[in-house]
Structure formats: structure tokens, C-alpha cells
N, C-alpha and C. Protein backbone atom coordinates (compact mmCIF):
# COMPACT_ATOMS: atom_id res chain seq x y z
N MET A 1 156.01 -167.80 132.38
CA MET A 1 156.01 -167.40 130.98
C MET A 1 157.36 -166.76 130.64
N LYS A 2 157.88 -167.13 129.50
CA LYS A 2 159.17 -166.60 129.05
C LYS A 2 159.02 -165.18 128.51
N THR A 3 160.10 -164.43 128.61
CA THR A 3 160.13 -163.10 128.02
C THR A 3 160.88 -163.18 126.70
N TYR A 4 160.21 -162.78 125.65
CA TYR A 4 160.79 -162.83 124.32
C TYR A 4 161.01 -161.42 123.80
N PRO A 5 161.89 -161.28 122.81
CA PRO A 5 162.06 -159.97 122.19
C PRO A 5 160.75 -159.56 121.50
N THR A 6 160.48 -158.27 121.53
CA THR A 6 159.25 -157.76 120.91
C THR A 6 159.53 -156.67 119.89
N SER A 7 160.80 -156.37 119.69
CA SER A 7 161.14 -155.29 118.76
C SER A 7 162.37 -155.67 117.94
N THR A 8 162.57 -154.91 116.90
CA THR A 8 163.73 -155.11 116.03
C THR A 8 165.03 -155.03 116.82
N LEU A 9 165.16 -154.01 117.64
CA LEU A 9 166.40 -153.83 118.41
C LEU A 9 166.61 -154.97 119.41
N GLU A 10 165.54 -155.44 120.01
CA GLU A 10 165.68 -156.56 120.95
C GLU A 10 166.14 -157.82 120.23
N VAL A 11 165.63 -158.04 119.03
CA VAL A 11 166.07 -159.20 118.23
C VAL A 11 167.56 -159.11 117.96
N LEU A 12 168.01 -157.93 117.59
CA LEU A 12 169.43 -157.75 117.25
C LEU A 12 170.34 -157.92 118.47
N SER A 13 169.78 -157.83 119.67
CA SER A 13 170.59 -158.00 120.87
C SER A 13 170.72 -159.46 121.30
N VAL A 14 169.99 -160.35 120.64
CA VAL A 14 170.07 -161.78 120.97
C VAL A 14 171.37 -162.34 120.40
N PRO A 15 172.18 -162.98 121.25
CA PRO A 15 173.44 -163.56 120.74
C PRO A 15 173.17 -164.60 119.65
N ASN A 16 174.04 -164.64 118.66
CA ASN A 16 173.89 -165.56 117.52
C ASN A 16 173.64 -167.00 117.95
N GLU A 17 174.35 -167.44 118.97
CA GLU A 17 174.24 -168.84 119.38
C GLU A 17 172.89 -169.15 120.05
N GLN A 18 172.10 -168.15 120.36
CA GLN A 18 170.80 -168.37 121.00
C GLN A 18 169.62 -168.20 120.05
N VAL A 19 169.89 -167.77 118.83
CA VAL A 19 168.81 -167.45 117.90
C VAL A 19 167.98 -168.68 117.54
N SER A 20 168.60 -169.79 117.22
CA SER A 20 167.81 -170.96 116.80
C SER A 20 166.91 -171.46 117.93
N ASP A 21 167.41 -171.46 119.16
CA ASP A 21 166.57 -171.85 120.29
C ASP A 21 165.43 -170.86 120.51
N LEU A 22 165.73 -169.59 120.32
CA LEU A 22 164.70 -168.56 120.46
C LEU A 22 163.59 -168.77 119.43
N VAL A 23 163.96 -168.96 118.19
CA VAL A 23 162.96 -169.16 117.13
C VAL A 23 162.13 -170.40 117.42
N ARG A 24 162.78 -171.46 117.81
CA ARG A 24 162.08 -172.71 118.12
C ARG A 24 161.09 -172.50 119.27
N SER A 25 161.54 -171.85 120.31
CA SER A 25 160.70 -171.61 121.48
C SER A 25 159.53 -170.68 121.17
N MET A 26 159.81 -169.60 120.44
CA MET A 26 158.74 -168.66 120.09
C MET A 26 157.74 -169.30 119.14
N THR A 27 158.20 -170.16 118.26
CA THR A 27 157.30 -170.85 117.34
C THR A 27 156.39 -171.79 118.13
N ALA A 28 156.96 -172.50 119.09
CA ALA A 28 156.17 -173.42 119.91
C ALA A 28 155.13 -172.66 120.75
N ASP A 29 155.49 -171.47 121.20
CA ASP A 29 154.57 -170.65 122.00
C ASP A 29 153.63 -169.81 121.13
N ARG A 30 153.77 -169.94 119.83
CA ARG A 30 152.94 -169.22 118.86
C ARG A 30 153.08 -167.70 118.98
N SER A 31 154.28 -167.25 119.32
CA SER A 31 154.51 -165.80 119.43
C SER A 31 155.47 -165.29 118.35
N PHE A 32 156.03 -166.20 117.56
CA PHE A 32 157.02 -165.80 116.56
C PHE A 32 156.40 -164.95 115.45
N SER A 33 155.21 -165.31 115.01
CA SER A 33 154.59 -164.56 113.91
C SER A 33 154.31 -163.12 114.31
N SER A 34 153.97 -162.87 115.57
CA SER A 34 153.74 -161.49 116.03
C SER A 34 155.03 -160.69 115.96
N LEU A 35 156.13 -161.31 116.33
CA LEU A 35 157.42 -160.63 116.27
C LEU A 35 157.78 -160.30 114.82
N VAL A 36 157.63 -161.27 113.94
CA VAL A 36 157.96 -161.05 112.53
C VAL A 36 157.05 -159.97 111.94
N HIS A 37 155.80 -159.97 112.32
CA HIS A 37 154.87 -158.92 111.86
C HIS A 37 155.37 -157.55 112.29
N SER A 38 155.79 -157.43 113.53
CA SER A 38 156.31 -156.16 114.05
C SER A 38 157.55 -155.71 113.27
N ILE A 39 158.44 -156.64 113.00
CA ILE A 39 159.65 -156.31 112.24
C ILE A 39 159.27 -155.90 110.82
N ASN A 40 158.31 -156.60 110.23
CA ASN A 40 157.86 -156.25 108.87
C ASN A 40 157.26 -154.85 108.82
N GLU A 41 156.59 -154.44 109.88
CA GLU A 41 156.06 -153.08 109.95
C GLU A 41 157.20 -152.07 109.82
N ASP A 42 158.31 -152.33 110.53
CA ASP A 42 159.48 -151.45 110.42
C ASP A 42 160.06 -151.51 109.01
N LEU A 43 160.09 -152.69 108.44
CA LEU A 43 160.64 -152.88 107.10
C LEU A 43 159.86 -152.11 106.05
N MET A 44 158.57 -151.98 106.24
CA MET A 44 157.71 -151.31 105.26
C MET A 44 157.53 -149.82 105.55
N GLY A 45 158.10 -149.34 106.64
CA GLY A 45 157.92 -147.95 107.03
C GLY A 45 158.76 -146.98 106.22
N ARG A 46 158.59 -145.71 106.51
CA ARG A 46 159.30 -144.65 105.79
C ARG A 46 160.69 -144.38 106.33
N ASP A 47 160.94 -144.74 107.58
CA ASP A 47 162.22 -144.44 108.22
C ASP A 47 163.30 -145.38 107.69
N ARG A 48 164.27 -144.80 106.98
CA ARG A 48 165.33 -145.60 106.35
C ARG A 48 166.13 -146.40 107.37
N GLN A 49 166.44 -145.80 108.51
CA GLN A 49 167.22 -146.48 109.54
C GLN A 49 166.44 -147.67 110.11
N LYS A 50 165.15 -147.49 110.35
CA LYS A 50 164.33 -148.60 110.86
C LYS A 50 164.24 -149.72 109.83
N ARG A 51 164.15 -149.35 108.56
CA ARG A 51 164.11 -150.38 107.51
C ARG A 51 165.39 -151.20 107.50
N GLU A 52 166.52 -150.54 107.61
CA GLU A 52 167.81 -151.24 107.62
C GLU A 52 167.93 -152.15 108.84
N LEU A 53 167.52 -151.65 110.00
CA LEU A 53 167.56 -152.47 111.21
C LEU A 53 166.63 -153.67 111.08
N ALA A 54 165.47 -153.46 110.48
CA ALA A 54 164.52 -154.56 110.28
C ALA A 54 165.11 -155.62 109.35
N ARG A 55 165.78 -155.20 108.28
CA ARG A 55 166.45 -156.16 107.38
C ARG A 55 167.48 -156.97 108.16
N ASN A 56 168.25 -156.28 108.98
CA ASN A 56 169.27 -156.95 109.78
C ASN A 56 168.65 -157.92 110.78
N ALA A 57 167.54 -157.53 111.38
CA ALA A 57 166.88 -158.40 112.35
C ALA A 57 166.34 -159.66 111.68
N LEU A 58 165.71 -159.50 110.52
CA LEU A 58 165.21 -160.68 109.81
C LEU A 58 166.36 -161.60 109.40
N SER A 59 167.44 -161.03 108.96
CA SER A 59 168.62 -161.82 108.61
C SER A 59 169.15 -162.55 109.85
N HIS A 60 169.19 -161.85 110.96
CA HIS A 60 169.66 -162.43 112.23
C HIS A 60 168.80 -163.63 112.64
N LEU A 61 167.51 -163.55 112.31
CA LEU A 61 166.59 -164.65 112.64
C LEU A 61 166.66 -165.79 111.63
N GLY A 62 167.43 -165.60 110.55
CA GLY A 62 167.61 -166.68 109.58
C GLY A 62 166.86 -166.51 108.28
N PHE A 63 166.15 -165.40 108.12
CA PHE A 63 165.45 -165.14 106.86
C PHE A 63 166.45 -164.64 105.84
N VAL A 64 166.24 -165.01 104.60
CA VAL A 64 167.12 -164.55 103.52
C VAL A 64 166.35 -163.58 102.64
N GLU A 65 167.08 -162.67 102.00
CA GLU A 65 166.43 -161.69 101.12
C GLU A 65 166.07 -162.31 99.80
């Protein structure tokens, strides 16, 4: 079993050139939605720094605002 990022900070540590393969692999393993849910929890939280990191992580994964 592959080890995937599970947090906002782990997503941000993935090199840009590996992001598309990561998303493809996590989608195939049906684990991508759990990761996005976790990032969205940070995005909706009260901590301003976590919200900013979550925005950056979603952008890093290819989501647009």
C-alpha cells in the first residue's frame, strides 16, 4: 500500500512535478476525497494560518479559487 499525504503540510511538501501523478493515484485508490475533506476542514477553521496553508494546498493540488 502506498503512503499518501494526509495533511495540508504534507501536501505542500509534494514536489510540483509529482502532484498530477499523486492526484491520479489517490483518485484511483479512492483516498483523494478524504485528503480534500481534511484540507477543507482547515480551510473552514478559525486559525488564519491554517486557512492560508489550506488555500495554498488546494492550489498546489490544482484547484482554483
